[in-house]
PDB file of N, CA and C in Angstrom:
ATOM      1  N   UNK A   1     -41.309 -43.848 -39.563  1.00  0.00           N
ATOM      2  CA  UNK A   1     -39.946 -43.428 -39.212  1.00  0.00           C
ATOM      3  C   UNK A   1     -39.206 -42.965 -40.444  1.00  0.00           C
ATOM      4  N   UNK A   2     -39.394 -43.656 -41.554  1.00  0.00           N
ATOM      5  CA  UNK A   2     -38.673 -43.296 -42.784  1.00  0.00           C
ATOM      6  C   UNK A   2     -39.073 -41.874 -43.247  1.00  0.00           C
ATOM      7  N   UNK A   3     -40.322 -41.516 -43.055  1.00  0.00           N
ATOM      8  CA  UNK A   3     -40.769 -40.192 -43.436  1.00  0.00           C
ATOM      9  C   UNK A   3     -40.108 -39.121 -42.568  1.00  0.00           C
ATOM     10  N   UNK A   4     -40.038 -39.372 -41.278  1.00  0.00           N
ATOM     11  CA  UNK A   4     -39.421 -38.436 -40.378  1.00  0.00           C
ATOM     12  C   UNK A   4     -37.925 -38.260 -40.690  1.00  0.00           C
ATOM     13  N   UNK A   5     -37.243 -39.397 -40.934  1.00  0.00           N
ATOM     14  CA  UNK A   5     -35.832 -39.369 -41.322  1.00  0.00           C
ATOM     15  C   UNK A   5     -35.616 -38.539 -42.588  1.00  0.00           C
ATOM     16  N   UNK A   6     -36.422 -38.801 -43.587  1.00  0.00           N
ATOM     17  CA  UNK A   6     -36.325 -38.027 -44.848  1.00  0.00           C
ATOM     18  C   UNK A   6     -36.571 -36.558 -44.626  1.00  0.00           C
ATOM     19  N   UNK A   7     -37.565 -36.221 -43.818  1.00  0.00           N
ATOM     20  CA  UNK A   7     -37.863 -34.810 -43.569  1.00  0.00           C
ATOM     21  C   UNK A   7     -36.669 -34.117 -42.897  1.00  0.00           C
ATOM     22  N   UNK A   8     -36.092 -34.750 -41.936  1.00  0.00           N
ATOM     23  CA  UNK A   8     -34.940 -34.166 -41.209  1.00  0.00           C
ATOM     24  C   UNK A   8     -33.791 -33.954 -42.175  1.00  0.00           C
ATOM     25  N   UNK A   9     -33.478 -34.973 -42.950  1.00  0.00           N
ATOM     26  CA  UNK A   9     -32.380 -34.864 -43.907  1.00  0.00           C
ATOM     27  C   UNK A   9     -32.641 -33.854 -44.996  1.00  0.00           C
ATOM     28  N   UNK A  10     -33.902 -33.739 -45.435  1.00  0.00           N
ATOM     29  CA  UNK A  10     -34.217 -32.821 -46.543  1.00  0.00           C
ATOM     30  C   UNK A  10     -33.989 -31.358 -46.121  1.00  0.00           C
ATOM     31  N   UNK A  11     -33.946 -31.105 -44.821  1.00  0.00           N
ATOM     32  CA  UNK A  11     -33.721 -29.767 -44.344  1.00  0.00           C
ATOM     33  C   UNK A  11     -32.226 -29.519 -44.009  1.00  0.00           C
ATOM     34  N   UNK A  12     -31.414 -30.473 -44.414  1.00  0.00           N
ATOM     35  CA  UNK A  12     -29.977 -30.283 -44.276  1.00  0.00           C
ATOM     36  C   UNK A  12     -29.376 -30.542 -42.905  1.00  0.00           C
ATOM     37  N   UNK A  13     -30.124 -31.196 -42.047  1.00  0.00           N
ATOM     38  CA  UNK A  13     -29.614 -31.472 -40.696  1.00  0.00           C
ATOM     39  C   UNK A  13     -28.757 -32.748 -40.741  1.00  0.00           C
ATOM     40  N   UNK A  14     -27.607 -32.650 -40.100  1.00  0.00           N
ATOM     41  CA  UNK A  14     -26.744 -33.826 -39.955  1.00  0.00           C
ATOM     42  C   UNK A  14     -27.367 -34.701 -38.881  1.00  0.00           C
ATOM     43  N   UNK A  15     -27.548 -35.961 -39.205  1.00  0.00           N
ATOM     44  CA  UNK A  15     -28.201 -36.870 -38.268  1.00  0.00           C
ATOM     45  C   UNK A  15     -27.818 -38.301 -38.515  1.00  0.00           C
ATOM     46  N   UNK A  16     -28.038 -39.124 -37.546  1.00  0.00           N
ATOM     47  CA  UNK A  16     -27.780 -40.544 -37.609  1.00  0.00           C
ATOM     48  C   UNK A  16     -28.943 -41.237 -36.936  1.00  0.00           C
ATOM     49  N   UNK A  17     -29.569 -42.147 -37.673  1.00  0.00           N
ATOM     50  CA  UNK A  17     -30.701 -42.905 -37.120  1.00  0.00           C
ATOM     51  C   UNK A  17     -30.266 -44.357 -36.959  1.00  0.00           C
ATOM     52  N   UNK A  18     -30.641 -44.934 -35.830  1.00  0.00           N
ATOM     53  CA  UNK A  18     -30.359 -46.348 -35.582  1.00  0.00           C
ATOM     54  C   UNK A  18     -31.676 -47.087 -35.468  1.00  0.00           C
ATOM     55  N   UNK A  19     -31.699 -48.261 -36.050  1.00  0.00           N
ATOM     56  CA  UNK A  19     -32.852 -49.175 -35.923  1.00  0.00           C
ATOM     57  C   UNK A  19     -32.400 -50.456 -35.239  1.00  0.00           C
ATOM     58  N   UNK A  20     -33.218 -50.928 -34.341  1.00  0.00           N
ATOM     59  CA  UNK A  20     -32.869 -52.096 -33.574  1.00  0.00           C
ATOM     60  C   UNK A  20     -33.818 -53.249 -33.951  1.00  0.00           C
ATOM     61  N   UNK A  21     -33.263 -54.266 -34.567  1.00  0.00           N
ATOM     62  CA  UNK A  21     -34.037 -55.402 -35.048  1.00  0.00           C
ATOM     63  C   UNK A  21     -34.818 -56.055 -33.909  1.00  0.00           C
ATOM     64  N   UNK A  22     -36.065 -56.387 -34.237  1.00  0.00           N
ATOM     65  CA  UNK A  22     -36.899 -57.056 -33.242  1.00  0.00           C
ATOM     66  C   UNK A  22     -37.432 -56.210 -32.149  1.00  0.00           C
ATOM     67  N   UNK A  23     -37.375 -54.875 -32.321  1.00  0.00           N
ATOM     68  CA  UNK A  23     -37.886 -53.995 -31.300  1.00  0.00           C
ATOM     69  C   UNK A  23     -39.006 -53.148 -31.808  1.00  0.00           C
ATOM     70  N   UNK A  24     -39.740 -52.573 -30.892  1.00  0.00           N
ATOM     71  CA  UNK A  24     -40.770 -51.607 -31.219  1.00  0.00           C
ATOM     72  C   UNK A  24     -40.699 -50.483 -30.243  1.00  0.00           C
ATOM     73  N   UNK A  25     -41.766 -49.720 -30.184  1.00  0.00           N
ATOM     74  CA  UNK A  25     -41.848 -48.582 -29.249  1.00  0.00           C
ATOM     75  C   UNK A  25     -41.675 -49.059 -27.823  1.00  0.00           C
ATOM     76  N   UNK A  26     -40.996 -48.348 -27.015  1.00  0.00           N
ATOM     77  CA  UNK A  26     -40.798 -48.628 -25.578  1.00  0.00           C
ATOM     78  C   UNK A  26     -39.827 -49.789 -25.330  1.00  0.00           C
ATOM     79  N   UNK A  27     -38.992 -50.147 -26.325  1.00  0.00           N
ATOM     80  CA  UNK A  27     -38.108 -51.298 -26.141  1.00  0.00           C
ATOM     81  C   UNK A  27     -37.056 -51.101 -25.047  1.00  0.00           C
ATOM     82  N   UNK A  28     -36.821 -49.859 -24.659  1.00  0.00           N
ATOM     83  CA  UNK A  28     -35.777 -49.565 -23.632  1.00  0.00           C
ATOM     84  C   UNK A  28     -36.355 -49.374 -22.234  1.00  0.00           C
ATOM     85  N   UNK A  29     -37.641 -49.627 -22.094  1.00  0.00           N
ATOM     86  CA  UNK A  29     -38.295 -49.399 -20.751  1.00  0.00           C
ATOM     87  C   UNK A  29     -38.529 -50.763 -20.078  1.00  0.00           C
ATOM     88  N   UNK A  30     -37.749 -51.056 -19.047  1.00  0.00           N
ATOM     89  CA  UNK A  30     -37.806 -52.382 -18.412  1.00  0.00           C
ATOM     90  C   UNK A  30     -39.209 -52.801 -17.898  1.00  0.00           C
ATOM     91  N   UNK A  31     -40.041 -51.833 -17.571  1.00  0.00           N
ATOM     92  CA  UNK A  31     -41.363 -52.156 -17.018  1.00  0.00           C
ATOM     93  C   UNK A  31     -42.361 -52.505 -18.125  1.00  0.00           C
ATOM     94  N   UNK A  32     -41.974 -52.448 -19.374  1.00  0.00           N
ATOM     95  CA  UNK A  32     -42.907 -52.714 -20.493  1.00  0.00           C
ATOM     96  C   UNK A  32     -42.685 -54.078 -21.085  1.00  0.00           C
ATOM     97  N   UNK A  33     -43.704 -54.655 -21.624  1.00  0.00           N
ATOM     98  CA  UNK A  33     -43.642 -55.950 -22.284  1.00  0.00           C
ATOM     99  C   UNK A  33     -42.698 -55.898 -23.479  1.00  0.00           C
ATOM    100  N   UNK A  34     -42.583 -54.753 -24.129  1.00  0.00           N
ATOM    101  CA  UNK A  34     -41.764 -54.583 -25.324  1.00  0.00           C
ATOM    102  C   UNK A  34     -40.264 -54.506 -25.012  1.00  0.00           C
ATOM    103  N   UNK A  35     -39.890 -54.513 -23.747  1.00  0.00           N
ATOM    104  CA  UNK A  35     -38.480 -54.344 -23.363  1.00  0.00           C
ATOM    105  C   UNK A  35     -37.607 -55.399 -23.991  1.00  0.00           C
ATOM    106  N   UNK A  36     -36.469 -54.913 -24.552  1.00  0.00           N
ATOM    107  CA  UNK A  36     -35.452 -55.765 -25.138  1.00  0.00           C
ATOM    108  C   UNK A  36     -34.126 -55.345 -24.554  1.00  0.00           C
ATOM    109  N   UNK A  37     -33.627 -56.074 -23.589  1.00  0.00           N
ATOM    110  CA  UNK A  37     -32.461 -55.667 -22.786  1.00  0.00           C
ATOM    111  C   UNK A  37     -31.228 -55.418 -23.650  1.00  0.00           C
ATOM    112  N   UNK A  38     -30.909 -56.276 -24.589  1.00  0.00           N
ATOM    113  CA  UNK A  38     -29.691 -56.114 -25.374  1.00  0.00           C
ATOM    114  C   UNK A  38     -29.750 -54.818 -26.201  1.00  0.00           C
ATOM    115  N   UNK A  39     -30.823 -54.619 -26.896  1.00  0.00           N
ATOM    116  CA  UNK A  39     -31.022 -53.431 -27.677  1.00  0.00           C
ATOM    117  C   UNK A  39     -31.017 -52.169 -26.844  1.00  0.00           C
ATOM    118  N   UNK A  40     -31.672 -52.240 -25.660  1.00  0.00           N
ATOM    119  CA  UNK A  40     -31.705 -51.098 -24.774  1.00  0.00           C
ATOM    120  C   UNK A  40     -30.311 -50.706 -24.316  1.00  0.00           C
ATOM    121  N   UNK A  41     -29.493 -51.711 -24.037  1.00  0.00           N
ATOM    122  CA  UNK A  41     -28.117 -51.469 -23.600  1.00  0.00           C
ATOM    123  C   UNK A  41     -27.310 -50.776 -24.694  1.00  0.00           C
ATOM    124  N   UNK A  42     -27.460 -51.234 -25.929  1.00  0.00           N
ATOM    125  CA  UNK A  42     -26.754 -50.627 -27.040  1.00  0.00           C
ATOM    126  C   UNK A  42     -27.245 -49.193 -27.243  1.00  0.00           C
ATOM    127  N   UNK A  43     -28.539 -49.024 -27.212  1.00  0.00           N
ATOM    128  CA  UNK A  43     -29.085 -47.661 -27.396  1.00  0.00           C
ATOM    129  C   UNK A  43     -28.648 -46.691 -26.280  1.00  0.00           C
ATOM    130  N   UNK A  44     -28.621 -47.170 -25.067  1.00  0.00           N
ATOM    131  CA  UNK A  44     -28.167 -46.354 -23.974  1.00  0.00           C
ATOM    132  C   UNK A  44     -26.692 -45.956 -24.125  1.00  0.00           C
ATOM    133  N   UNK A  45     -25.862 -46.902 -24.507  1.00  0.00           N
ATOM    134  CA  UNK A  45     -24.468 -46.608 -24.793  1.00  0.00           C
ATOM    135  C   UNK A  45     -24.281 -45.588 -25.868  1.00  0.00           C
ATOM    136  N   UNK A  46     -25.065 -45.689 -26.907  1.00  0.00           N
ATOM    137  CA  UNK A  46     -25.003 -44.709 -27.994  1.00  0.00           C
ATOM    138  C   UNK A  46     -25.463 -43.346 -27.558  1.00  0.00           C
ATOM    139  N   UNK A  47     -26.483 -43.311 -26.717  1.00  0.00           N
ATOM    140  CA  UNK A  47     -26.967 -42.018 -26.195  1.00  0.00           C
ATOM    141  C   UNK A  47     -25.868 -41.373 -25.342  1.00  0.00           C
ATOM    142  N   UNK A  48     -25.233 -42.115 -24.494  1.00  0.00           N
ATOM    143  CA  UNK A  48     -24.169 -41.551 -23.673  1.00  0.00           C
ATOM    144  C   UNK A  48     -23.007 -41.022 -24.493  1.00  0.00           C
ATOM    145  N   UNK A  49     -22.632 -41.805 -25.535  1.00  0.00           N
ATOM    146  CA  UNK A  49     -21.533 -41.375 -26.407  1.00  0.00           C
ATOM    147  C   UNK A  49     -21.906 -40.115 -27.138  1.00  0.00           C
ATOM    148  N   UNK A  50     -23.163 -40.004 -27.602  1.00  0.00           N
ATOM    149  CA  UNK A  50     -23.628 -38.791 -28.260  1.00  0.00           C
ATOM    150  C   UNK A  50     -23.550 -37.596 -27.351  1.00  0.00           C
ATOM    151  N   UNK A  51     -24.031 -37.745 -26.124  1.00  0.00           N
ATOM    152  CA  UNK A  51     -24.001 -36.649 -25.176  1.00  0.00           C
ATOM    153  C   UNK A  51     -22.572 -36.264 -24.841  1.00  0.00           C
ATOM    154  N   UNK A  52     -21.697 -37.189 -24.689  1.00  0.00           N
ATOM    155  CA  UNK A  52     -20.321 -36.916 -24.401  1.00  0.00           C
ATOM    156  C   UNK A  52     -19.702 -36.120 -25.549  1.00  0.00           C
ATOM    157  N   UNK A  53     -19.920 -36.514 -26.782  1.00  0.00           N
ATOM    158  CA  UNK A  53     -19.352 -35.799 -27.941  1.00  0.00           C
ATOM    159  C   UNK A  53     -19.987 -34.401 -28.046  1.00  0.00           C
ATOM    160  N   UNK A  54     -21.267 -34.324 -27.877  1.00  0.00           N
ATOM    161  CA  UNK A  54     -21.985 -33.065 -28.100  1.00  0.00           C
ATOM    162  C   UNK A  54     -21.761 -32.049 -26.990  1.00  0.00           C
ATOM    163  N   UNK A  55     -21.813 -32.504 -25.766  1.00  0.00           N
ATOM    164  CA  UNK A  55     -21.706 -31.554 -24.656  1.00  0.00           C
ATOM    165  C   UNK A  55     -20.289 -31.193 -24.262  1.00  0.00           C
ATOM    166  N   UNK A  56     -19.384 -32.108 -24.460  1.00  0.00           N
ATOM    167  CA  UNK A  56     -17.979 -31.847 -24.099  1.00  0.00           C
ATOM    168  C   UNK A  56     -17.135 -31.488 -25.272  1.00  0.00           C
ATOM    169  N   UNK A  57     -17.637 -31.696 -26.455  1.00  0.00           N
ATOM    170  CA  UNK A  57     -16.883 -31.350 -27.701  1.00  0.00           C
ATOM    171  C   UNK A  57     -15.828 -32.300 -27.900  1.00  0.00           C
TER     172      UNK A  57
END
């Protein structure tokens, strides 16, 4: 993840990365063993806020 983040930033893209402690891949998918409800809720809220800002200006 750190390499991807560095690559994006090195190309001058404005970005914000969030990391959720105690999670791994698929943490937001309720049908998976890796599901972490609290982190998934925060991530979903952040996604909705991003879409609201981006799509509605």
